[in-house]
Amino acid sequence: MREFGDYGLKICRYQGKLFEESLNLSGCSTPVFIRRFMMSKIAERMDREGFMFESLSEADAIAEIEEQYGKSVYGKIRYSREELYWIGYIYRYWSYTRETGSKTLYRIVKPSELQQLYFPYHSLDPAQVIERILEAKGMDNDDMVKRGEVEILRRLRKEENR
């Protein structure tokens, strides 16, 4: 598990603010935006160390996501600003401290699940939130590591078969 320091705090706050700004800057529904983000090239870059040195504004990040996937006005579900900030923060905290990719996290816990957990969990420490989610899903950190290894092996097999 990675130590959560100043860089971790900054990147978590950035992603929280990015999710929050999606209400103003993205035309699609919240679940669609979050799915697009979690599968995006920006999320991949954020999963690696050094993203905060890019100095990319939230508006530029959303524009890059729309460039990657195209503009969309699909869906009507919109989460509150507070929920969005918290969901973005939790996803990034989990990714950063557990060194888990955004795509993997999206497969484990969907935005709708996090939205339902906002009221009971938003005042907890992020590490406690992650522990409770993993416990509820019958998983632990070792399961996360094993799933990551399996995912890497599957990707390698696909590349070999091309």
Protein backbone atom coordinates (compact mmCIF):
# COMPACT_ATOMS: atom_id res chain seq x y z
CA MET A 1 0.00 0.00 0.00
CA ARG A 2 1.33 3.41 -1.00
CA GLU A 3 1.81 6.16 1.58
CA PHE A 4 -0.75 8.97 1.24
CA GLY A 5 1.13 12.26 1.27
CA ASP A 6 0.93 15.70 -0.31
CA TYR A 7 0.94 14.43 -3.91
CA GLY A 8 -1.83 11.93 -3.13
CA LEU A 9 -3.94 14.63 -1.51
CA LYS A 10 -3.54 16.94 -4.50
CA ILE A 11 -4.45 14.31 -7.08
CA CYS A 12 -7.50 13.19 -5.06
CA ARG A 13 -8.70 16.78 -4.74
CA TYR A 14 -8.13 17.33 -8.46
CA GLN A 15 -10.23 14.31 -9.42
CA GLY A 16 -12.95 15.30 -6.95
CA LYS A 17 -13.10 18.77 -8.47
CA LEU A 18 -13.04 17.29 -11.99
CA PHE A 19 -16.06 15.11 -11.22
CA GLU A 20 -17.82 18.07 -9.63
CA GLU A 21 -17.13 20.28 -12.66
CA SER A 22 -18.62 17.64 -14.96
CA LEU A 23 -22.04 19.00 -13.94
CA ASN A 24 -21.22 22.30 -15.66
CA LEU A 25 -18.94 21.17 -18.47
CA SER A 26 -20.28 17.82 -19.67
CA GLY A 27 -23.63 17.32 -21.38
CA CYS A 28 -24.02 13.62 -20.58
CA SER A 29 -25.38 12.03 -17.43
CA THR A 30 -23.21 11.52 -14.38
CA PRO A 31 -22.91 7.71 -14.78
CA VAL A 32 -21.92 8.11 -18.44
CA PHE A 33 -19.33 10.78 -17.59
CA ILE A 34 -17.81 8.69 -14.81
CA ARG A 35 -17.63 5.57 -17.01
CA ARG A 36 -15.97 7.58 -19.77
CA PHE A 37 -13.52 9.11 -17.33
CA MET A 38 -12.59 5.85 -15.61
CA MET A 39 -11.87 4.24 -19.00
CA SER A 40 -10.11 7.30 -20.44
CA LYS A 41 -6.50 8.01 -21.30
CA ILE A 42 -6.51 10.74 -18.63
CA ALA A 43 -7.41 8.21 -15.93
CA GLU A 44 -4.61 5.95 -17.20
CA ARG A 45 -2.17 8.85 -16.89
CA MET A 46 -3.47 9.65 -13.42
CA ASP A 47 -2.92 6.02 -12.41
CA ARG A 48 0.80 6.60 -13.01
CA GLU A 49 2.95 8.94 -10.93
CA GLY A 50 3.53 12.44 -12.28
CA PHE A 51 0.13 13.49 -13.63
CA MET A 52 -0.08 16.54 -11.38
CA PHE A 53 2.92 18.02 -13.20
CA GLU A 54 0.89 18.26 -16.42
CA SER A 55 -1.04 21.31 -15.15
CA LEU A 56 -4.24 20.30 -16.95
CA SER A 57 -7.31 22.23 -15.84
CA GLU A 58 -10.57 20.43 -15.11
CA ALA A 59 -12.12 22.03 -18.20
CA ASP A 60 -9.22 20.83 -20.37
CA ALA A 61 -9.50 17.33 -18.92
CA ILE A 62 -13.22 17.16 -19.69
CA ALA A 63 -12.54 18.49 -23.21
CA GLU A 64 -9.92 15.75 -23.68
CA ILE A 65 -12.42 13.09 -22.56
CA GLU A 66 -15.00 14.46 -25.01
CA GLU A 67 -12.37 14.46 -27.73
CA GLN A 68 -11.58 10.80 -26.98
CA TYR A 69 -15.21 9.65 -26.86
CA GLY A 70 -17.11 12.39 -28.65
CA LYS A 71 -19.60 14.84 -27.18
CA SER A 72 -22.73 13.31 -25.72
CA VAL A 73 -25.99 14.45 -24.19
CA TYR A 74 -27.04 10.90 -23.36
CA GLY A 75 -28.81 10.28 -20.05
CA LYS A 76 -30.54 12.43 -17.51
CA ILE A 77 -29.23 11.21 -14.14
CA ARG A 78 -27.22 13.89 -12.35
CA TYR A 79 -25.61 13.42 -8.96
CA SER A 80 -25.17 16.33 -6.55
CA ARG A 81 -21.92 18.32 -6.47
CA GLU A 82 -21.06 16.88 -3.05
CA GLU A 83 -21.65 13.30 -4.21
CA LEU A 84 -19.57 13.85 -7.33
CA TYR A 85 -16.65 15.34 -5.41
CA TRP A 86 -16.71 12.48 -2.90
CA ILE A 87 -17.00 9.77 -5.58
CA GLY A 88 -14.10 11.26 -7.54
CA TYR A 89 -12.01 11.57 -4.39
CA ILE A 90 -12.74 7.98 -3.26
CA TYR A 91 -11.96 6.48 -6.68
CA ARG A 92 -8.63 8.32 -6.85
CA TYR A 93 -7.72 7.63 -3.20
CA TRP A 94 -8.36 3.94 -3.80
CA SER A 95 -6.37 3.94 -7.03
CA TYR A 96 -3.48 5.87 -5.52
CA THR A 97 -3.11 4.12 -2.17
CA ARG A 98 -3.82 0.58 -3.40
CA GLU A 99 -2.00 1.13 -6.72
CA THR A 100 -5.01 -0.15 -8.64
CA GLY A 101 -6.00 1.02 -12.12
CA SER A 102 -9.11 3.10 -12.66
CA LYS A 103 -10.59 0.55 -15.07
CA THR A 104 -10.25 -2.21 -12.47
CA LEU A 105 -11.88 -0.05 -9.79
CA TYR A 106 -14.76 0.79 -12.11
CA ARG A 107 -15.39 -2.93 -12.60
CA ILE A 108 -15.37 -3.51 -8.83
CA VAL A 109 -17.59 -0.64 -7.73
CA LYS A 110 -19.91 1.32 -9.99
CA PRO A 111 -20.77 5.00 -9.47
CA SER A 112 -24.35 4.13 -8.50
CA GLU A 113 -23.02 2.00 -5.63
CA LEU A 114 -20.81 4.83 -4.43
CA GLN A 115 -23.69 7.27 -4.69
CA GLN A 116 -25.77 5.03 -2.42
CA LEU A 117 -22.88 4.94 0.06
CA TYR A 118 -22.37 8.71 0.10
CA PHE A 119 -24.68 9.53 3.00
CA PRO A 120 -23.63 6.71 5.34
CA TYR A 121 -19.89 6.88 4.47
CA HIS A 122 -19.03 10.45 3.44
CA SER A 123 -17.80 11.40 6.91
CA LEU A 124 -15.53 8.34 7.22
CA ASP A 125 -11.83 8.27 6.45
CA PRO A 126 -11.38 7.13 2.80
CA ALA A 127 -9.35 4.10 3.94
CA GLN A 128 -12.31 2.97 6.07
CA VAL A 129 -14.67 3.43 3.12
CA ILE A 130 -12.51 1.15 0.97
CA GLU A 131 -12.25 -1.47 3.71
CA ARG A 132 -16.04 -1.50 4.18
CA ILE A 133 -16.69 -1.79 0.45
CA LEU A 134 -14.23 -4.65 0.09
CA GLU A 135 -15.70 -6.37 3.14
CA ALA A 136 -19.25 -6.02 1.77
CA LYS A 137 -18.10 -7.57 -1.52
CA GLY A 138 -16.32 -10.40 0.28
CA MET A 139 -12.92 -9.24 -0.97
CA ASP A 140 -9.69 -8.13 0.62
CA ASN A 141 -6.54 -6.42 -0.63
CA ASP A 142 -5.01 -9.79 -1.60
CA ASP A 143 -8.00 -10.40 -3.91
CA MET A 144 -7.31 -7.04 -5.54
CA VAL A 145 -3.71 -8.02 -6.21
CA LYS A 146 -4.77 -11.39 -7.66
CA ARG A 147 -7.39 -9.75 -9.88
CA GLY A 148 -4.75 -7.31 -11.13
CA GLU A 149 -2.41 -10.14 -12.03
CA VAL A 150 -5.14 -12.02 -13.87
CA GLU A 151 -6.07 -8.89 -15.80
CA ILE A 152 -2.45 -8.38 -16.87
CA LEU A 153 -2.17 -11.99 -18.01
CA ARG A 154 -5.38 -11.70 -20.05
CA ARG A 155 -4.09 -8.55 -21.76
CA LEU A 156 -0.80 -10.22 -22.61
CA ARG A 157 -2.61 -13.23 -24.06
CA LYS A 158 -4.78 -10.97 -26.24
CA GLU A 159 -1.70 -9.14 -27.56
CA GLU A 160 0.04 -12.45 -28.35
CA ASN A 161 -2.99 -13.66 -30.34
CA ARG A 162 -3.09 -10.57 -32.57
